[in-house]
């Protein structure tokens, strides 16, 4: 986002939040204020560099939970006492001197800036805590870190415009928990469902998913079965039915277009998006399978080799075995084959349109699993990076580059949204 777009959106937000009549802005004054902001290149939003660059400074986790959540301008302690709006003046704004009206408007802009800074602090907090729990919550400290991440994300979600909703769907005696972000604008909005991977969580998806939001596409983010807040604690064939519950829910929301839904899954999440492409093909416009396990991944001969990959940071076996609910290598190797899509008889069946993404040098999920999808069933599209590792990334093409150049355009096009 350019500085000009940032300031334009800031002033639009001021008018939207406080009302043009209440602000009683002189158009020439607004233009001068806008020009002044551009000269300082400041504003309250998040630029691409901030969003993609990760945490920029240390965060004291002992304080992020107590950061104030402003509920109204009159309660904002960061405003100077002599600059808070007077209720008597608000009722007769047309009689307020020119400089008085500008002072009130300036304070409201200050409020929006503070909200943006506060959102960034919450973002830093949940990003740090999500890494602290990586790759799996297998110790008291990691469990505590994940709880803090959820709490910090809740503060971040409330400060977005529009706010990110927390969705809780009753399902088989438990609940499916996820996030929903609906763009402003035309209704009903098309939807992309994003499914987390083995070690990522739905909270990780928020920043990247906002690129969908900017194109008029709503997004829903969920943890994959066996991780995070999924209703399924140990994965089994058929666990994708919790996402069928999500499709049912979309049909109940008039703001969402149940006829234009796509699903995205990366790494282990791609396994679930592939399953849904077969089991829910009538309700999906498309599915992205980026580095998802299909068949060869689940075989003992692959796992014995892949557990030693240098593409992964640490505790790979702990993360992979946790979703199976097993503890020993023997149990792990015996459990995997039951998850094969080939063994389930799915590969030769018709499916929703698929985009298959991976790298030829993937040492975590064999590229052969991508080829297995391509050789069978309905026609599919594929993007394979000859120099790419897991999920197609390489030194020349980062995860973000693959998303921006491959995934995002395909999803937007498949949902019938103008680029």
Protein backbone atom coordinates (compact mmCIF):
# COMPACT_ATOMS: atom_id res chain seq x y z
CA UNK A 1 0.00 0.00 0.00
CA UNK A 2 1.42 3.42 -0.95
CA UNK A 3 1.53 6.32 1.49
CA UNK A 4 -1.20 8.03 -0.54
CA UNK A 5 -3.50 4.99 -0.30
CA UNK A 6 -2.73 4.64 3.39
CA UNK A 7 -3.69 8.22 4.20
CA UNK A 8 -6.76 8.07 1.97
CA UNK A 9 -7.96 4.98 3.83
CA UNK A 10 -7.19 6.66 7.17
CA UNK A 11 -9.34 9.68 6.40
CA UNK A 12 -12.08 7.46 4.97
CA UNK A 13 -12.03 5.51 8.23
CA UNK A 14 -12.33 8.73 10.23
CA UNK A 15 -15.46 9.71 8.34
CA UNK A 16 -16.89 6.19 8.55
CA UNK A 17 -16.29 5.79 12.28
CA UNK A 18 -17.34 9.22 13.51
CA UNK A 19 -19.73 10.40 10.79
CA UNK A 20 -19.29 13.28 8.38
CA UNK A 21 -21.90 15.43 10.12
CA UNK A 22 -20.25 15.02 13.50
CA UNK A 23 -16.87 15.87 12.06
CA UNK A 24 -18.24 18.92 10.20
CA UNK A 25 -15.12 18.97 8.07
CA UNK A 26 -14.29 21.74 5.68
CA UNK A 27 -13.22 20.04 2.38
CA UNK A 28 -10.22 22.37 2.01
CA UNK A 29 -9.19 21.62 5.58
CA UNK A 30 -9.43 17.88 4.93
CA UNK A 31 -7.23 18.22 1.84
CA UNK A 32 -4.65 20.27 3.77
CA UNK A 33 -4.66 17.69 6.54
CA UNK A 34 -4.24 14.89 4.01
CA UNK A 35 -1.33 16.71 2.36
CA UNK A 36 0.26 17.29 5.75
CA UNK A 37 0.03 13.61 6.58
CA UNK A 38 1.58 12.65 3.26
CA UNK A 39 4.48 14.99 3.86
CA UNK A 40 5.23 13.07 7.06
CA UNK A 41 4.43 9.69 5.43
CA UNK A 42 2.70 8.50 8.58
CA UNK A 43 -0.53 6.61 9.19
CA UNK A 44 -2.36 3.97 11.20
CA UNK A 45 -2.34 0.94 8.89
CA UNK A 46 0.03 -1.96 8.28
CA UNK A 47 2.15 -1.95 5.16
CA UNK A 48 3.22 -5.06 3.31
CA UNK A 49 6.71 -4.86 4.74
CA UNK A 50 5.40 -4.83 8.29
CA UNK A 51 2.99 -7.66 7.67
CA UNK A 52 5.42 -9.98 5.94
CA UNK A 53 8.57 -9.10 7.82
CA UNK A 54 7.67 -10.76 11.10
CA UNK A 55 8.33 -9.31 14.55
CA UNK A 56 10.59 -6.27 14.50
CA UNK A 57 11.28 -5.82 18.21
CA UNK A 58 11.00 -7.80 21.44
CA UNK A 59 7.62 -8.00 23.14
CA UNK A 60 7.05 -8.26 26.87
CA UNK A 61 4.42 -10.99 27.08
CA UNK A 62 3.61 -10.02 30.65
CA UNK A 63 2.10 -6.77 29.40
CA UNK A 64 0.35 -7.62 26.14
CA UNK A 65 -2.74 -8.90 27.91
CA UNK A 66 -3.30 -5.66 29.76
CA UNK A 67 -3.04 -3.29 26.80
CA UNK A 68 -6.12 -1.04 26.69
CA UNK A 69 -8.84 -1.77 24.17
CA UNK A 70 -10.46 1.62 23.42
CA UNK A 71 -14.24 1.48 23.35
CA UNK A 72 -14.91 5.16 22.78
CA UNK A 73 -13.09 8.43 22.26
CA UNK A 74 -14.17 9.81 25.65
CA UNK A 75 -12.36 6.92 27.35
CA UNK A 76 -9.06 7.29 25.53
CA UNK A 77 -6.45 8.15 28.17
CA UNK A 78 -3.77 8.97 25.60
CA UNK A 79 -5.60 12.18 24.59
CA UNK A 80 -4.52 15.35 26.39
CA UNK A 81 -7.10 16.42 28.93
CA UNK A 82 -7.63 19.79 27.28
CA UNK A 83 -8.27 18.23 23.85
CA UNK A 84 -11.03 15.74 24.65
CA UNK A 85 -14.29 16.59 22.84
CA UNK A 86 -16.90 18.51 24.81
CA UNK A 87 -20.43 17.09 24.57
CA UNK A 88 -21.91 20.61 24.53
CA UNK A 89 -19.77 21.53 21.54
CA UNK A 90 -20.69 18.34 19.70
CA UNK A 91 -24.34 19.40 19.63
CA UNK A 92 -23.52 22.73 18.00
CA UNK A 93 -20.53 21.86 15.87
CA UNK A 94 -21.35 24.47 13.25
CA UNK A 95 -20.59 27.18 15.80
CA UNK A 96 -17.20 25.72 16.78
CA UNK A 97 -14.34 27.94 15.61
CA UNK A 98 -12.38 26.59 12.68
CA UNK A 99 -9.33 25.69 14.79
CA UNK A 100 -11.54 23.96 17.39
CA UNK A 101 -13.12 21.68 14.79
CA UNK A 102 -9.66 20.74 13.49
CA UNK A 103 -8.36 20.00 16.98
CA UNK A 104 -11.23 17.56 17.56
CA UNK A 105 -10.65 15.88 14.20
CA UNK A 106 -6.92 15.67 14.87
CA UNK A 107 -7.58 13.88 18.14
CA UNK A 108 -9.77 11.36 16.36
CA UNK A 109 -7.05 10.71 13.82
CA UNK A 110 -4.68 10.25 16.75
CA UNK A 111 -7.09 7.68 18.13
CA UNK A 112 -7.03 5.71 14.87
CA UNK A 113 -3.25 5.81 14.81
CA UNK A 114 -3.10 4.50 18.34
CA UNK A 115 -5.44 1.68 17.37
CA UNK A 116 -3.12 0.74 14.51
CA UNK A 117 -0.07 0.75 16.80
CA UNK A 118 -1.94 -1.31 19.38
CA UNK A 119 -2.92 -3.87 16.71
CA UNK A 120 0.73 -4.20 15.69
CA UNK A 121 1.75 -4.86 19.29
CA UNK A 122 -0.85 -7.62 19.56
CA UNK A 123 0.43 -9.01 16.25
CA UNK A 124 4.01 -9.10 17.49
CA UNK A 125 2.82 -10.81 20.68
CA UNK A 126 0.90 -13.62 19.01
CA UNK A 127 3.66 -14.19 16.43
CA UNK A 128 6.27 -14.61 19.16
CA UNK A 129 4.03 -16.91 21.18
CA UNK A 130 3.16 -19.00 18.13
CA UNK A 131 6.85 -19.60 17.54
CA UNK A 132 7.31 -20.41 21.23
CA UNK A 133 4.80 -23.27 20.86
CA UNK A 134 6.34 -24.55 17.59
CA UNK A 135 5.99 -27.18 16.24
CA UNK A 136 3.64 -28.88 18.71
CA UNK A 137 2.33 -28.09 22.20
CA UNK A 138 4.12 -30.98 23.93
CA UNK A 139 5.24 -29.29 27.16
CA UNK A 140 3.61 -27.09 29.82
CA UNK A 141 5.56 -24.09 28.58
CA UNK A 142 4.40 -24.59 24.99
CA UNK A 143 0.79 -25.06 26.10
CA UNK A 144 1.03 -21.78 27.99
CA UNK A 145 2.58 -20.04 24.98
CA UNK A 146 -0.25 -21.18 22.72
CA UNK A 147 -2.84 -19.93 25.23
CA UNK A 148 -1.11 -16.54 25.24
CA UNK A 149 -1.06 -16.54 21.43
CA UNK A 150 -4.81 -17.11 21.32
CA UNK A 151 -5.36 -14.30 23.79
CA UNK A 152 -3.15 -11.88 21.90
CA UNK A 153 -4.78 -12.78 18.58
CA UNK A 154 -8.20 -12.03 20.08
CA UNK A 155 -7.00 -8.50 20.83
CA UNK A 156 -5.55 -8.17 17.34
CA UNK A 157 -8.77 -9.43 15.75
CA UNK A 158 -10.93 -6.87 17.55
CA UNK A 159 -8.82 -4.01 16.22
CA UNK A 160 -9.07 -4.94 12.54
CA UNK A 161 -11.41 -3.05 10.21
CA UNK A 162 -13.76 -4.79 9.90
CA UNK A 163 -13.06 -6.96 12.98
CA UNK A 164 -12.15 -10.63 12.53
CA UNK A 165 -14.93 -12.83 13.89
CA UNK A 166 -14.30 -15.93 15.98
CA UNK A 167 -16.52 -18.76 14.71
CA UNK A 168 -17.56 -21.62 17.01
CA UNK A 169 -19.57 -24.38 15.36
CA UNK A 170 -21.09 -27.26 17.36
CA UNK A 171 -19.87 -30.53 15.91
CA UNK A 172 -20.26 -34.07 17.21
CA UNK A 173 -20.27 -33.05 20.85
CA UNK A 174 -17.33 -30.65 20.45
CA UNK A 175 -16.92 -27.45 18.46
CA UNK A 176 -15.08 -26.34 15.35
CA UNK A 177 -13.25 -23.07 16.09
CA UNK A 178 -12.03 -20.73 13.38
CA UNK A 179 -11.84 -17.14 12.21
CA UNK A 180 -13.95 -15.32 9.65
CA UNK A 181 -13.07 -12.04 7.97
CA UNK A 182 -15.60 -10.52 5.58
CA UNK A 183 -14.59 -7.61 3.33
CA UNK A 184 -16.58 -4.45 3.05
CA UNK A 185 -18.35 -4.03 -0.25
CA UNK A 186 -20.52 -6.15 -2.51
CA UNK A 187 -22.54 -8.99 -1.03
CA UNK A 188 -22.59 -11.92 -0.98
CA UNK A 189 -18.81 -12.33 -0.92
CA UNK A 190 -17.00 -15.40 -2.29
CA UNK A 191 -15.08 -17.39 0.32
CA UNK A 192 -11.76 -19.17 0.65
CA UNK A 193 -11.31 -21.67 3.49
CA UNK A 194 -7.69 -22.02 4.60
CA UNK A 195 -6.51 -25.06 6.58
CA UNK A 196 -3.38 -24.95 8.72
CA UNK A 197 -0.55 -27.44 8.45
CA UNK A 198 1.15 -29.77 10.88
CA UNK A 199 3.00 -27.03 12.76
CA UNK A 200 1.20 -23.84 11.69
CA UNK A 201 -2.00 -22.60 13.26
CA UNK A 202 -5.00 -20.72 11.95
CA UNK A 203 -3.67 -17.53 13.55
CA UNK A 204 -0.64 -17.67 11.24
CA UNK A 205 -2.94 -17.31 8.22
CA UNK A 206 -4.41 -13.92 9.12
CA UNK A 207 -1.85 -11.58 7.52
CA UNK A 208 -1.55 -13.50 4.25
CA UNK A 209 -5.30 -14.04 4.01
CA UNK A 210 -5.86 -10.29 4.02
CA UNK A 211 -4.64 -10.31 0.42
CA UNK A 212 -7.88 -12.18 -0.34
CA UNK A 213 -9.83 -9.59 1.61
CA UNK A 214 -8.35 -6.79 -0.48
CA UNK A 215 -9.83 -8.48 -3.57
CA UNK A 216 -13.33 -8.80 -2.13
CA UNK A 217 -12.93 -12.42 -1.00
CA UNK A 218 -13.91 -13.42 2.54
CA UNK A 219 -11.75 -15.94 4.35
CA UNK A 220 -12.24 -18.59 6.99
CA UNK A 221 -9.20 -20.04 8.75
CA UNK A 222 -9.10 -23.33 10.67
CA UNK A 223 -6.57 -25.66 12.23
CA UNK A 224 -6.09 -29.03 10.56
CA UNK A 225 -7.43 -32.09 12.42
CA UNK A 226 -5.23 -33.15 15.30
CA UNK A 227 -3.78 -29.66 15.90
CA UNK A 228 -4.63 -26.39 17.58
CA UNK A 229 -8.32 -25.99 18.37
CA UNK A 230 -9.56 -28.61 15.91
CA UNK A 231 -12.52 -30.67 17.10
CA UNK A 232 -10.61 -33.80 16.01
CA UNK A 233 -7.77 -34.65 18.39
CA UNK A 234 -6.35 -37.72 16.57
CA UNK A 235 -6.61 -37.82 12.80
CA UNK A 236 -8.43 -40.64 11.05
CA UNK A 237 -9.76 -41.09 7.51
CA UNK A 238 -12.95 -39.05 7.30
CA UNK A 239 -11.82 -36.32 9.72
CA UNK A 240 -12.43 -33.84 6.89
CA UNK A 241 -16.10 -33.99 7.84
CA UNK A 242 -15.49 -31.10 10.27
CA UNK A 243 -14.88 -28.93 7.21
CA UNK A 244 -18.13 -30.17 5.71
CA UNK A 245 -19.68 -28.60 8.82
CA UNK A 246 -17.96 -25.35 7.83
CA UNK A 247 -19.55 -25.51 4.37
CA UNK A 248 -22.94 -25.96 6.04
CA UNK A 249 -22.25 -22.85 8.10
CA UNK A 250 -21.31 -20.76 5.08
CA UNK A 251 -24.73 -21.48 3.59
CA UNK A 252 -26.36 -19.89 6.67
CA UNK A 253 -24.56 -16.57 6.32
CA UNK A 254 -26.28 -14.24 3.83
CA UNK A 255 -23.10 -12.15 3.53
CA UNK A 256 -21.28 -15.16 2.06
CA UNK A 257 -21.76 -16.78 -1.36
CA UNK A 258 -22.06 -20.52 -0.76
CA UNK A 259 -21.90 -21.06 -4.55
CA UNK A 260 -18.38 -19.61 -4.72
CA UNK A 261 -16.18 -21.38 -2.19
CA UNK A 262 -12.60 -22.58 -2.56
CA UNK A 263 -10.34 -24.36 -0.09
CA UNK A 264 -6.59 -24.00 0.43
CA UNK A 265 -4.29 -26.34 2.32
CA UNK A 266 -0.52 -26.15 2.63
CA UNK A 267 1.70 -29.09 3.61
CA UNK A 268 -0.40 -31.40 5.83
CA UNK A 269 -3.29 -29.00 5.29
CA UNK A 270 -3.06 -29.91 1.60
CA UNK A 271 -4.01 -33.47 2.48
CA UNK A 272 -7.33 -32.18 3.81
CA UNK A 273 -7.97 -29.84 0.88
CA UNK A 274 -7.39 -32.81 -1.47
CA UNK A 275 -9.84 -34.95 0.47
CA UNK A 276 -12.42 -32.17 0.33
CA UNK A 277 -11.93 -31.81 -3.43
CA UNK A 278 -13.28 -35.35 -3.72
CA UNK A 279 -15.83 -35.53 -0.92
CA UNK A 280 -17.26 -32.01 -1.39
CA UNK A 281 -16.73 -31.46 -5.09
CA UNK A 282 -20.36 -30.37 -5.54
CA UNK A 283 -19.92 -27.50 -3.08
CA UNK A 284 -16.41 -26.35 -4.01
CA UNK A 285 -15.29 -24.19 -6.91
CA UNK A 286 -11.71 -25.34 -6.42
CA UNK A 287 -9.03 -26.67 -4.09
CA UNK A 288 -5.34 -25.78 -3.73
CA UNK A 289 -3.11 -28.67 -2.65
CA UNK A 290 0.33 -27.23 -1.86
CA UNK A 291 2.80 -29.89 -0.86
CA UNK A 292 0.08 -32.12 0.58
CA UNK A 293 0.59 -35.80 1.55
CA UNK A 294 -1.36 -38.20 -0.70
CA UNK A 295 0.05 -41.74 -0.72
CA UNK A 296 3.84 -42.16 -0.83
CA UNK A 297 4.25 -39.89 2.19
CA UNK A 298 2.45 -42.40 4.39
CA UNK A 299 4.67 -45.33 3.48
CA UNK A 300 7.28 -46.48 6.05
CA UNK A 301 10.14 -46.39 3.54
CA UNK A 302 9.56 -42.68 2.88
CA UNK A 303 9.12 -41.77 6.54
CA UNK A 304 12.34 -43.44 7.63
CA UNK A 305 14.19 -41.20 5.20
CA UNK A 306 12.11 -38.04 5.57
CA UNK A 307 12.36 -37.85 9.36
CA UNK A 308 16.00 -36.88 8.85
CA UNK A 309 15.26 -33.97 6.49
CA UNK A 310 17.27 -30.78 6.93
CA UNK A 311 14.31 -28.71 5.70
CA UNK A 312 12.76 -28.87 9.17
CA UNK A 313 13.93 -27.03 12.29
CA UNK A 314 13.39 -29.53 15.12
CA UNK A 315 10.97 -32.04 16.70
CA UNK A 316 9.65 -33.29 13.38
CA UNK A 317 8.89 -36.77 14.70
CA UNK A 318 7.17 -35.31 17.75
CA UNK A 319 4.90 -33.20 15.54
CA UNK A 320 4.12 -35.97 13.06
CA UNK A 321 3.44 -38.61 15.68
CA UNK A 322 1.28 -36.30 17.81
CA UNK A 323 -1.48 -36.06 15.20
CA UNK A 324 -1.62 -39.86 15.07
CA UNK A 325 -1.78 -40.07 18.85
CA UNK A 326 1.21 -42.43 18.98
CA UNK A 327 4.60 -42.29 20.71
CA UNK A 328 6.98 -44.83 19.22
CA UNK A 329 8.49 -45.05 15.75
CA UNK A 330 6.96 -48.48 15.21
CA UNK A 331 3.48 -47.21 16.05
CA UNK A 332 4.01 -44.18 13.81
CA UNK A 333 5.13 -46.20 10.79
CA UNK A 334 2.24 -48.62 11.19
CA UNK A 335 -0.38 -45.87 11.50
CA UNK A 336 0.43 -43.83 8.39
CA UNK A 337 -0.76 -46.05 5.51
CA UNK A 338 -4.39 -45.86 6.63
CA UNK A 339 -4.40 -42.16 5.66
CA UNK A 340 -3.49 -42.80 2.00
CA UNK A 341 -5.92 -41.39 -0.56
CA UNK A 342 -4.99 -44.25 -2.88
CA UNK A 343 -5.94 -46.80 -0.25
CA UNK A 344 -9.21 -44.92 0.24
CA UNK A 345 -9.99 -45.32 -3.47
CA UNK A 346 -10.27 -41.56 -4.05
CA UNK A 347 -7.69 -40.85 -6.73
CA UNK A 348 -9.66 -42.18 -9.70
CA UNK A 349 -12.86 -40.41 -8.69
CA UNK A 350 -14.02 -37.07 -10.13
CA UNK A 351 -13.06 -34.03 -8.08
CA UNK A 352 -13.46 -30.29 -7.88
CA UNK A 353 -10.87 -28.35 -9.91
CA UNK A 354 -7.47 -28.58 -8.23
CA UNK A 355 -4.28 -26.56 -8.31
CA UNK A 356 -1.33 -28.75 -7.26
CA UNK A 357 1.83 -26.97 -6.06
CA UNK A 358 5.14 -28.39 -4.92
CA UNK A 359 8.89 -28.56 -5.58
CA UNK A 360 10.83 -31.36 -7.20
CA UNK A 361 13.32 -31.35 -4.31
CA UNK A 362 10.79 -31.60 -1.50
CA UNK A 363 12.32 -33.74 1.24
CA UNK A 364 9.30 -33.58 3.57
CA UNK A 365 6.47 -34.67 1.25
CA UNK A 366 7.49 -36.54 -1.91
CA UNK A 367 6.72 -34.77 -5.16
CA UNK A 368 5.46 -38.17 -6.35
CA UNK A 369 2.32 -37.44 -4.32
CA UNK A 370 1.64 -34.43 -6.55
CA UNK A 371 2.09 -36.60 -9.62
CA UNK A 372 -0.29 -39.20 -8.17
CA UNK A 373 -3.04 -36.57 -8.09
CA UNK A 374 -2.20 -35.38 -11.60
CA UNK A 375 -2.27 -38.86 -13.17
CA UNK A 376 -5.73 -39.82 -11.96
CA UNK A 377 -9.33 -38.66 -11.90
CA UNK A 378 -10.43 -35.27 -13.20
CA UNK A 379 -8.10 -32.90 -15.11
CA UNK A 380 -6.03 -30.70 -12.81
CA UNK A 381 -3.65 -27.78 -12.96
CA UNK A 382 -0.16 -28.00 -11.52
CA UNK A 383 2.78 -25.73 -10.73
CA UNK A 384 5.99 -27.61 -9.93
CA UNK A 385 9.21 -25.73 -9.20
CA UNK A 386 12.16 -27.77 -10.55
CA UNK A 387 14.46 -26.17 -7.94
CA UNK A 388 11.88 -26.01 -5.19
CA UNK A 389 11.78 -27.76 -1.86
CA UNK A 390 8.75 -28.28 0.35
CA UNK A 391 5.66 -26.45 -0.98
CA UNK A 392 7.67 -25.27 -3.99
CA UNK A 393 9.75 -22.66 -2.23
CA UNK A 394 13.37 -22.04 -3.16
CA UNK A 395 16.09 -19.45 -2.76
CA UNK A 396 14.69 -17.62 -5.78
CA UNK A 397 11.01 -18.04 -4.86
CA UNK A 398 9.94 -17.52 -1.25
CA UNK A 399 6.70 -18.77 0.25
CA UNK A 400 5.24 -15.30 -0.20
CA UNK A 401 6.30 -15.18 -3.84
CA UNK A 402 4.65 -18.53 -4.57
CA UNK A 403 1.50 -17.30 -2.87
CA UNK A 404 1.40 -13.99 -4.73
CA UNK A 405 2.33 -15.36 -8.15
CA UNK A 406 0.58 -18.73 -8.14
CA UNK A 407 -1.94 -19.39 -5.36
CA UNK A 408 -3.65 -16.02 -5.02
CA UNK A 409 -4.33 -15.42 -8.75
CA UNK A 410 -5.67 -18.97 -9.18
CA UNK A 411 -8.05 -18.75 -6.22
CA UNK A 412 -9.32 -15.32 -7.23
CA UNK A 413 -9.85 -16.45 -10.82
CA UNK A 414 -11.53 -19.69 -9.77
CA UNK A 415 -13.98 -17.76 -7.58
CA UNK A 416 -14.90 -15.51 -10.49
CA UNK A 417 -13.41 -12.33 -9.02
CA UNK A 418 -11.93 -9.71 -11.31
CA UNK A 419 -8.13 -9.41 -10.74
